[in-house]
Protein backbone atom coordinates (compact mmCIF):
# COMPACT_ATOMS: atom_id res chain seq x y z
CA UNK A 1 129.94 13.59 -16.50
CA UNK A 2 128.76 10.71 -18.67
CA UNK A 3 125.82 11.06 -21.04
CA UNK A 4 123.70 8.64 -19.03
CA UNK A 5 124.29 10.50 -15.76
CA UNK A 6 123.09 13.73 -17.40
CA UNK A 7 119.64 12.16 -17.81
CA UNK A 8 119.08 11.06 -14.20
CA UNK A 9 117.19 14.24 -13.25
CA UNK A 10 115.08 14.38 -16.45
CA UNK A 11 114.26 10.70 -15.97
CA UNK A 12 113.14 11.31 -12.39
CA UNK A 13 110.95 14.23 -13.42
CA UNK A 14 109.53 12.15 -16.29
CA UNK A 15 108.59 9.40 -13.81
CA UNK A 16 106.87 12.02 -11.63
CA UNK A 17 104.97 13.20 -14.71
CA UNK A 18 103.83 9.64 -15.39
CA UNK A 19 102.78 9.16 -11.78
CA UNK A 20 100.72 12.36 -11.73
CA UNK A 21 99.26 11.46 -15.15
CA UNK A 22 98.14 8.01 -13.99
CA UNK A 23 96.73 9.49 -10.81
CA UNK A 24 94.93 12.14 -12.83
CA UNK A 25 93.43 9.61 -15.24
CA UNK A 26 92.26 7.44 -12.34
CA UNK A 27 90.61 10.37 -10.56
CA UNK A 28 88.15 10.81 -13.44
CA UNK A 29 86.50 13.86 -14.92
CA UNK A 30 86.17 16.65 -14.03
CA UNK A 31 89.88 16.73 -13.34
CA UNK A 32 91.17 17.72 -9.94
CA UNK A 33 92.56 21.22 -10.54
CA UNK A 34 95.57 20.89 -8.25
CA UNK A 35 96.54 17.47 -9.60
CA UNK A 36 96.00 18.59 -13.19
CA UNK A 37 98.22 21.65 -12.77
CA UNK A 38 100.91 19.61 -10.99
CA UNK A 39 100.91 17.17 -13.91
CA UNK A 40 101.27 19.99 -16.45
CA UNK A 41 104.00 21.83 -14.54
CA UNK A 42 106.04 18.70 -13.84
CA UNK A 43 105.75 17.71 -17.53
CA UNK A 44 106.95 21.15 -18.58
CA UNK A 45 109.86 20.91 -16.13
CA UNK A 46 110.79 17.48 -17.52
CA UNK A 47 110.89 18.84 -21.06
CA UNK A 48 112.94 21.89 -20.10
CA UNK A 49 115.50 19.90 -18.12
CA UNK A 50 115.79 17.25 -20.86
CA UNK A 51 116.23 19.86 -23.60
CA UNK A 52 118.93 21.68 -21.63
CA UNK A 53 120.80 18.44 -20.98
CA UNK A 54 120.39 17.23 -24.56
CA UNK A 55 121.54 20.56 -25.99
CA UNK A 56 124.74 20.29 -23.98
CA UNK A 57 125.33 16.77 -25.22
CA UNK A 58 124.59 17.53 -28.85
CA UNK A 59 126.69 20.68 -29.06
CA UNK A 60 129.11 19.99 -31.88
CA UNK A 61 128.30 16.28 -31.99
CA UNK A 62 128.39 14.32 -35.23
CA UNK A 63 125.26 12.20 -34.97
CA UNK A 64 124.30 9.13 -36.97
CA UNK A 65 121.05 9.29 -38.94
CA UNK A 66 119.30 6.83 -36.61
CA UNK A 67 119.98 9.04 -33.58
CA UNK A 68 118.61 12.07 -35.40
CA UNK A 69 115.48 10.14 -36.43
CA UNK A 70 114.92 8.90 -32.87
CA UNK A 71 115.36 12.40 -31.45
CA UNK A 72 112.91 13.77 -34.03
CA UNK A 73 110.38 11.05 -33.07
CA UNK A 74 110.88 11.93 -29.39
CA UNK A 75 110.30 15.63 -30.13
CA UNK A 76 107.14 14.77 -32.09
CA UNK A 77 106.01 12.68 -29.13
CA UNK A 78 106.50 15.58 -26.71
CA UNK A 79 104.59 17.99 -28.96
CA UNK A 80 101.80 15.43 -29.37
CA UNK A 81 101.61 14.93 -25.61
CA UNK A 82 101.29 18.66 -24.97
CA UNK A 83 98.70 19.22 -27.71
CA UNK A 84 96.57 16.17 -26.88
CA UNK A 85 96.74 17.00 -23.16
CA UNK A 86 95.66 20.58 -23.78
CA UNK A 87 92.80 19.49 -26.03
CA UNK A 88 91.65 16.88 -23.49
CA UNK A 89 91.58 19.51 -20.76
CA UNK A 90 89.55 21.85 -22.98
CA UNK A 91 86.96 19.12 -23.47
CA UNK A 92 86.02 20.29 -26.95
CA UNK A 93 86.94 17.17 -28.96
CA UNK A 94 86.48 13.42 -28.65
CA UNK A 95 88.11 12.49 -25.36
CA UNK A 96 88.66 8.83 -26.27
CA UNK A 97 90.53 9.74 -29.48
CA UNK A 98 92.69 12.30 -27.69
CA UNK A 99 93.40 9.84 -24.89
CA UNK A 100 94.55 7.27 -27.48
CA UNK A 101 96.79 9.87 -29.15
CA UNK A 102 98.19 10.76 -25.71
CA UNK A 103 99.05 7.10 -25.01
CA UNK A 104 100.59 6.52 -28.45
CA UNK A 105 102.69 9.69 -28.10
CA UNK A 106 103.80 8.56 -24.65
CA UNK A 107 104.81 5.15 -26.04
CA UNK A 108 106.72 6.79 -28.91
CA UNK A 109 108.56 9.04 -26.47
CA UNK A 110 109.26 6.21 -24.03
CA UNK A 111 110.83 4.13 -26.81
CA UNK A 112 112.55 6.79 -28.92
CA UNK A 113 114.29 8.89 -26.27
CA UNK A 114 115.95 6.07 -24.30
CA UNK A 115 116.99 4.48 -27.59
CA UNK A 116 118.58 7.73 -28.75
CA UNK A 117 120.33 8.19 -25.39
CA UNK A 118 121.60 4.60 -25.61
CA UNK A 119 123.01 5.28 -29.09
CA UNK A 120 124.55 8.55 -27.95
CA UNK A 121 126.08 6.88 -24.88
CA UNK A 122 128.10 4.65 -27.18
CA UNK A 123 129.78 7.70 -28.75
CA UNK A 124 133.10 8.84 -27.25
């Protein structure tokens, strides 16, 4: 199984997470409970599946520094997405700031992870 084929399922679940997230943001506040929970659960599933696949790929791999940096940025993006999403749902802090952080973290993840996978795909 090639490295790229191992990320087909995580990619599909990530696209579902994006779709539910866009739908959720368009539905306005207060958030629809069912849609909000679907978004959170699908996002959690995407992270779990991606981590399992990535752990299998990285087992015993000798990675270049750029791949490690991109994977670290992707991990920081995932953590930022979870934290900013949780804080937005709590409604305790500035929603606009948290929404901006959520978008920046999403952009970082959307750039870093495919770049790291592309670099890893070039390895034998």
